[in-house]
Amino acid sequence: MTTQPMTRIGDILTIPEWMFRRAPRAASRNRDDVAYICATCGPVEPREYANGYIRRECKCVQLAREVQAHGMLLTATKQQTVKQKAAKTYTWLGRGLDTVYRKDVEERELEGKTFANFDPASQPNKAAFKEHLFLAKTYASSIISGQTTQTVQVDNMLMTGGYGTGKTHLAAAILNALREQGISCLFCTAQDLFNSLYASKFDEKLDLLAQAANTPLLVLDDLDKLHMRADTDGAFQKRTLFDVLDKRYKRHLPTVITTNETQDLSPWLDGATISRLYEHLTLLEMDGVDYRSRENR
């Protein structure tokens, strides 16, 4: 059966016959069948046609439908915003043409790091690494709660320890938990951050530094791999890191730093930066064995 639109007899619209059969509550030859009284709007008269009547929506029903449609639009917009924020976490520095394949592989690997696939049992001191996992989960939950209620101030986190003990894994797991909640967060190695700054124009530098200073969570991975000029004692790098971390300190925004250096951060951070970092700090001393070496044996 085909559905036909309203038709005209002269200048008068007529209701197609199928509507009387298939939608008797919406169309009728009897006016009283489709007239009704709304508790809010009062009597609602149907629309009259040459061969019958069609039920008319009252103002409150129209408003409810518009509100529902608007809510669906907001939900779709929010979902799109969440996806955009999540996509930015590991790619905010961009991809150079010479490193696009390496960056794509790294991004997929980092996106796959979760609390569920972090394995404390792979370390001799299982109890200590279970505690590290618990602290990382709690840390992510605190940031999510703080973003929601605006009442929780979260510490910085410093993860220290040898190669392959899972520092980057836990840092990425924290980020991925935030991404699922639509919370902006950024990841970079310290060296990649400065490589991008070195290669950027002035306005681009300012934009990168502003993003680093303002994101709800910044992860600086492998701080100790950052090359510092010996002749200047890394003055530019230290000053830049101070500017970023000082802004984050003043805005009460947490920073996660991972490093193989377990004792002294002064080769990469000046005293003022270290003071701000350590004022509110959760320390994970991840002393263990290199699981990468064991997997390759």
Protein backbone atom coordinates (compact mmCIF):
# COMPACT_ATOMS: atom_id res chain seq x y z
CA MET A 1 0.00 0.00 0.00
CA THR A 2 1.47 3.35 -1.03
CA THR A 3 1.30 6.35 1.26
CA GLN A 4 0.10 9.44 -0.51
CA PRO A 5 0.44 13.03 0.70
CA MET A 6 -2.42 15.40 1.21
CA THR A 7 -4.20 16.02 -2.08
CA ARG A 8 -6.13 19.02 -3.33
CA ILE A 9 -9.71 19.25 -4.54
CA GLY A 10 -9.70 22.73 -5.96
CA ASP A 11 -8.20 24.89 -3.25
CA ILE A 12 -9.10 22.50 -0.41
CA LEU A 13 -6.66 19.92 1.06
CA THR A 14 -7.97 16.39 1.63
CA ILE A 15 -6.71 13.68 3.97
CA PRO A 16 -5.45 10.49 2.21
CA GLU A 17 -7.66 7.49 2.91
CA TRP A 18 -4.84 5.39 4.42
CA MET A 19 -4.58 7.79 7.39
CA PHE A 20 -8.14 7.02 8.49
CA ARG A 21 -7.34 3.31 8.56
CA ARG A 22 -3.78 3.31 9.92
CA ALA A 23 -3.82 6.32 12.26
CA PRO A 24 -7.34 6.60 13.68
CA ARG A 25 -6.10 8.57 16.72
CA ALA A 26 -4.51 11.14 14.41
CA ALA A 27 -7.13 11.41 11.65
CA SER A 28 -10.90 10.91 11.68
CA ARG A 29 -13.99 11.92 9.83
CA ASN A 30 -15.49 12.73 13.23
CA ARG A 31 -14.21 15.93 14.84
CA ASP A 32 -14.75 14.66 18.42
CA ASP A 33 -12.43 11.68 17.85
CA VAL A 34 -9.36 13.92 17.45
CA ALA A 35 -10.32 16.90 19.62
CA TYR A 36 -9.07 16.83 23.21
CA ILE A 37 -8.46 18.97 26.29
CA CYS A 38 -4.88 19.49 27.51
CA ALA A 39 -4.55 20.09 31.26
CA THR A 40 -2.10 22.91 30.52
CA CYS A 41 -3.23 24.39 27.22
CA GLY A 42 -6.98 23.78 27.49
CA PRO A 43 -9.16 22.70 24.51
CA VAL A 44 -7.15 21.76 21.42
CA GLU A 45 -9.20 21.94 18.22
CA PRO A 46 -8.26 19.60 15.35
CA ARG A 47 -7.29 20.85 11.91
CA GLU A 48 -10.20 20.64 9.50
CA TYR A 49 -9.91 19.28 5.95
CA ALA A 50 -12.44 18.68 3.18
CA ASN A 51 -12.94 15.03 4.15
CA GLY A 52 -12.17 14.96 7.88
CA TYR A 53 -10.07 16.18 10.80
CA ILE A 54 -6.44 15.74 11.95
CA ARG A 55 -5.38 15.93 15.58
CA ARG A 56 -3.34 19.04 16.38
CA GLU A 57 -0.45 19.17 18.87
CA CYS A 58 -0.86 21.54 21.79
CA LYS A 59 1.91 23.98 22.76
CA CYS A 60 3.27 21.90 25.64
CA VAL A 61 3.59 18.77 23.47
CA GLN A 62 5.41 20.80 20.82
CA LEU A 63 7.73 22.21 23.48
CA ALA A 64 8.45 18.74 24.93
CA ARG A 65 9.32 17.43 21.46
CA GLU A 66 11.63 20.38 20.81
CA VAL A 67 13.33 19.92 24.19
CA GLN A 68 13.86 16.22 23.47
CA ALA A 69 15.30 16.99 20.03
CA HIS A 70 17.58 19.62 21.58
CA GLY A 71 18.73 17.14 24.23
CA MET A 72 19.56 14.58 21.56
CA LEU A 73 21.55 17.24 19.69
CA LEU A 74 23.45 18.15 22.87
CA THR A 75 24.20 14.49 23.54
CA ALA A 76 25.53 14.01 20.01
CA THR A 77 27.60 17.19 20.34
CA LYS A 78 29.01 16.05 23.69
CA GLN A 79 29.93 12.65 22.25
CA GLN A 80 31.70 14.36 19.37
CA THR A 81 33.56 16.62 21.79
CA VAL A 82 34.65 13.59 23.84
CA LYS A 83 36.02 11.94 20.70
CA GLN A 84 37.87 15.10 19.69
CA LYS A 85 39.45 15.45 23.13
CA ALA A 86 40.42 11.78 23.20
CA ALA A 87 41.98 11.96 19.74
CA LYS A 88 44.21 14.83 20.80
CA THR A 89 45.92 13.20 23.80
CA TYR A 90 48.80 11.53 21.98
CA THR A 91 48.82 13.63 18.78
CA TRP A 92 48.77 17.23 20.03
CA LEU A 93 52.41 17.82 19.03
CA GLY A 94 51.63 16.76 15.45
CA ARG A 95 53.48 14.26 13.31
CA GLY A 96 56.52 15.03 11.22
CA LEU A 97 56.58 13.33 7.82
CA ASP A 98 59.74 11.43 8.74
CA THR A 99 58.21 9.97 11.89
CA VAL A 100 54.57 9.43 10.93
CA TYR A 101 54.77 5.62 10.99
CA ARG A 102 56.62 5.54 14.30
CA LYS A 103 54.15 7.99 15.84
CA ASP A 104 51.14 6.00 14.65
CA VAL A 105 52.54 2.82 16.18
CA GLU A 106 53.35 4.58 19.44
CA GLU A 107 49.86 6.10 19.60
CA ARG A 108 48.16 2.72 19.15
CA GLU A 109 50.38 1.17 21.79
CA LEU A 110 49.68 3.93 24.29
CA GLU A 111 45.93 3.82 23.65
CA GLY A 112 46.05 0.12 24.51
CA LYS A 113 47.55 0.68 27.96
CA THR A 114 44.96 0.13 30.69
CA PHE A 115 44.83 -0.70 34.37
CA ALA A 116 43.39 -4.09 33.42
CA ASN A 117 46.40 -5.16 31.35
CA PHE A 118 49.03 -3.88 33.79
CA ASP A 119 50.50 -7.03 35.36
CA PRO A 120 52.00 -6.66 38.86
CA ALA A 121 52.71 -10.41 38.85
CA SER A 122 55.45 -9.87 36.27
CA GLN A 123 57.58 -8.22 38.96
CA PRO A 124 59.41 -10.02 41.82
CA ASN A 125 57.88 -7.63 44.35
CA LYS A 126 54.25 -8.23 43.39
CA ALA A 127 52.83 -6.50 46.48
CA ALA A 128 54.65 -3.24 45.73
CA PHE A 129 53.44 -3.17 42.12
CA LYS A 130 49.87 -3.97 43.20
CA GLU A 131 50.15 -0.86 45.39
CA HIS A 132 51.44 1.16 42.41
CA LEU A 133 48.45 -0.03 40.37
CA PHE A 134 46.04 0.87 43.19
CA LEU A 135 47.56 4.35 43.57
CA ALA A 136 47.36 4.99 39.82
CA LYS A 137 43.68 3.95 39.74
CA THR A 138 42.94 6.15 42.74
CA TYR A 139 44.81 9.02 41.12
CA ALA A 140 42.72 8.80 37.93
CA SER A 141 39.50 8.60 39.97
CA SER A 142 40.50 11.69 41.94
CA ILE A 143 41.04 13.72 38.77
CA ILE A 144 37.71 12.57 37.34
CA SER A 145 35.99 13.46 40.62
CA GLY A 146 37.74 16.83 40.73
CA GLN A 147 36.67 17.66 37.18
CA THR A 148 33.10 16.75 38.02
CA THR A 149 32.73 18.48 41.38
CA GLN A 150 35.49 21.10 41.14
CA THR A 151 36.31 20.39 44.81
CA VAL A 152 39.19 17.88 44.70
CA GLN A 153 42.76 19.11 44.38
CA VAL A 154 44.95 16.33 43.01
CA ASP A 155 48.66 15.90 43.72
CA ASN A 156 51.33 15.75 41.09
CA MET A 157 52.68 12.26 40.50
CA LEU A 158 56.30 11.26 40.01
CA MET A 159 57.05 7.74 38.76
CA THR A 160 60.68 6.70 39.11
CA GLY A 161 62.46 3.44 38.46
CA GLY A 162 64.41 1.41 35.97
CA TYR A 163 63.67 0.61 32.34
CA GLY A 164 60.62 -1.50 31.57
CA THR A 165 58.97 -1.40 34.99
CA GLY A 166 55.66 -0.02 33.65
CA LYS A 167 55.93 3.70 34.38
CA THR A 168 54.71 4.75 30.95
CA HIS A 169 52.06 2.01 31.02
CA LEU A 170 50.49 3.35 34.23
CA ALA A 171 50.78 6.97 33.05
CA ALA A 172 48.96 6.09 29.81
CA ALA A 173 46.35 4.05 31.72
CA ILE A 174 45.58 7.15 33.80
CA LEU A 175 45.22 9.22 30.63
CA ASN A 176 43.01 6.62 28.96
CA ALA A 177 40.70 6.51 31.98
CA LEU A 178 40.30 10.28 31.72
CA ARG A 179 39.76 10.14 27.96
CA GLU A 180 36.83 7.79 28.45
CA GLN A 181 35.20 10.48 30.60
CA GLY A 182 35.81 13.21 28.02
CA ILE A 183 38.47 14.95 30.12
CA SER A 184 41.21 16.65 28.14
CA CYS A 185 44.71 15.36 28.85
CA LEU A 186 48.01 15.44 27.01
CA PHE A 187 50.98 13.08 26.73
CA CYS A 188 54.48 13.69 25.42
CA THR A 189 58.03 12.72 26.10
CA ALA A 190 60.05 15.65 27.38
CA GLN A 191 62.33 15.42 24.34
CA ASP A 192 59.42 15.36 21.85
CA LEU A 193 57.98 18.47 23.49
CA PHE A 194 61.20 20.39 22.95
CA ASN A 195 61.74 18.97 19.46
CA SER A 196 58.34 20.41 18.55
CA LEU A 197 59.18 23.74 20.17
CA TYR A 198 62.48 23.94 18.31
CA ALA A 199 60.73 23.27 14.99
CA SER A 200 57.77 25.62 15.52
CA LYS A 201 57.19 29.24 14.63
CA PHE A 202 56.71 31.74 17.45
CA ASP A 203 52.90 31.64 17.50
CA GLU A 204 52.95 27.83 17.30
CA LYS A 205 55.35 27.69 20.26
CA LEU A 206 52.99 29.82 22.31
CA ASP A 207 50.07 27.57 21.41
CA LEU A 208 51.92 24.38 22.40
CA LEU A 209 53.03 25.89 25.70
CA ALA A 210 49.50 27.16 26.41
CA GLN A 211 48.08 23.68 25.82
CA ALA A 212 50.69 22.15 28.12
CA ALA A 213 49.98 24.73 30.82
CA ASN A 214 46.18 24.46 30.71
CA THR A 215 45.24 20.83 30.10
CA PRO A 216 43.61 19.15 33.12
CA LEU A 217 46.39 16.53 33.16
CA LEU A 218 49.81 16.69 31.53
CA VAL A 219 52.11 13.66 31.36
CA LEU A 220 55.81 14.36 30.75
CA ASP A 221 57.38 11.00 29.97
CA ASP A 222 61.10 10.20 30.21
CA LEU A 223 62.20 13.49 31.73
CA ASP A 224 65.74 12.16 32.11
CA LYS A 225 66.01 11.59 28.33
CA LEU A 226 65.75 15.34 27.67
CA HIS A 227 69.02 16.59 26.16
CA MET A 228 70.42 19.58 28.05
CA ARG A 229 73.09 21.80 26.53
CA ALA A 230 76.23 21.49 28.63
CA ASP A 231 77.46 25.01 27.83
CA THR A 232 74.27 26.63 29.17
CA ASP A 233 73.39 24.00 31.80
CA GLY A 234 70.10 23.59 29.94
CA ALA A 235 68.98 27.13 30.78
CA PHE A 236 66.35 27.29 28.01
CA GLN A 237 64.88 23.88 28.82
CA LYS A 238 64.77 24.57 32.58
CA ARG A 239 63.19 27.99 32.08
CA THR A 240 60.57 26.58 29.72
CA LEU A 241 59.68 23.72 32.07
CA PHE A 242 59.45 26.18 34.97
CA ASP A 243 57.04 28.40 33.00
CA VAL A 244 54.77 25.44 32.16
CA LEU A 245 54.83 23.82 35.60
CA ASP A 246 54.53 27.16 37.42
CA LYS A 247 51.34 27.96 35.50
CA ARG A 248 49.99 24.51 36.29
CA TYR A 249 50.96 24.95 39.96
CA LYS A 250 49.07 28.25 40.19
CA ARG A 251 46.01 26.73 38.53
CA HIS A 252 46.12 23.61 40.74
CA LEU A 253 46.48 21.35 37.71
CA PRO A 254 48.25 18.02 38.28
CA THR A 255 51.26 16.82 36.30
CA VAL A 256 52.62 13.30 35.96
CA ILE A 257 56.35 12.89 35.32
CA THR A 258 58.13 9.63 34.61
CA THR A 259 61.89 9.20 34.83
CA ASN A 260 64.54 6.54 35.25
CA GLU A 261 66.39 8.91 37.58
CA THR A 262 65.49 7.99 41.13
CA GLN A 263 67.45 10.56 43.14
CA ASP A 264 68.22 13.94 41.59
CA LEU A 265 66.07 15.86 39.08
CA SER A 266 68.24 19.00 39.17
CA PRO A 267 69.90 18.29 35.80
CA TRP A 268 66.48 18.91 34.16
CA LEU A 269 64.51 21.06 36.63
CA ASP A 270 65.66 24.07 38.61
CA GLY A 271 65.10 24.41 42.34
CA ALA A 272 61.93 26.50 42.04
CA THR A 273 60.32 23.96 39.70
CA ILE A 274 61.25 21.03 41.93
CA SER A 275 59.81 22.89 44.94
CA ARG A 276 56.46 23.38 43.18
CA LEU A 277 56.42 19.81 41.92
CA TYR A 278 57.09 18.30 45.33
CA GLU A 279 54.71 20.51 47.35
CA HIS A 280 51.81 18.16 46.57
CA LEU A 281 53.27 14.91 45.30
CA THR A 282 52.41 11.23 45.05
CA LEU A 283 55.61 9.24 44.52
CA LEU A 284 55.68 5.82 42.86
CA GLU A 285 59.11 4.24 43.24
CA MET A 286 58.83 1.45 40.70
CA ASP A 287 61.92 -0.60 41.44
CA GLY A 288 61.76 -3.85 39.51
CA VAL A 289 63.01 -5.81 36.52
CA ASP A 290 62.70 -4.93 32.85
CA TYR A 291 59.74 -6.96 31.59
CA ARG A 292 60.70 -6.12 27.98
CA SER A 293 64.00 -7.95 28.40
CA ARG A 294 62.26 -11.01 29.85
CA GLU A 295 59.72 -11.07 27.00
CA ASN A 296 62.51 -11.00 24.41
CA ARG A 297 64.45 -13.89 25.91
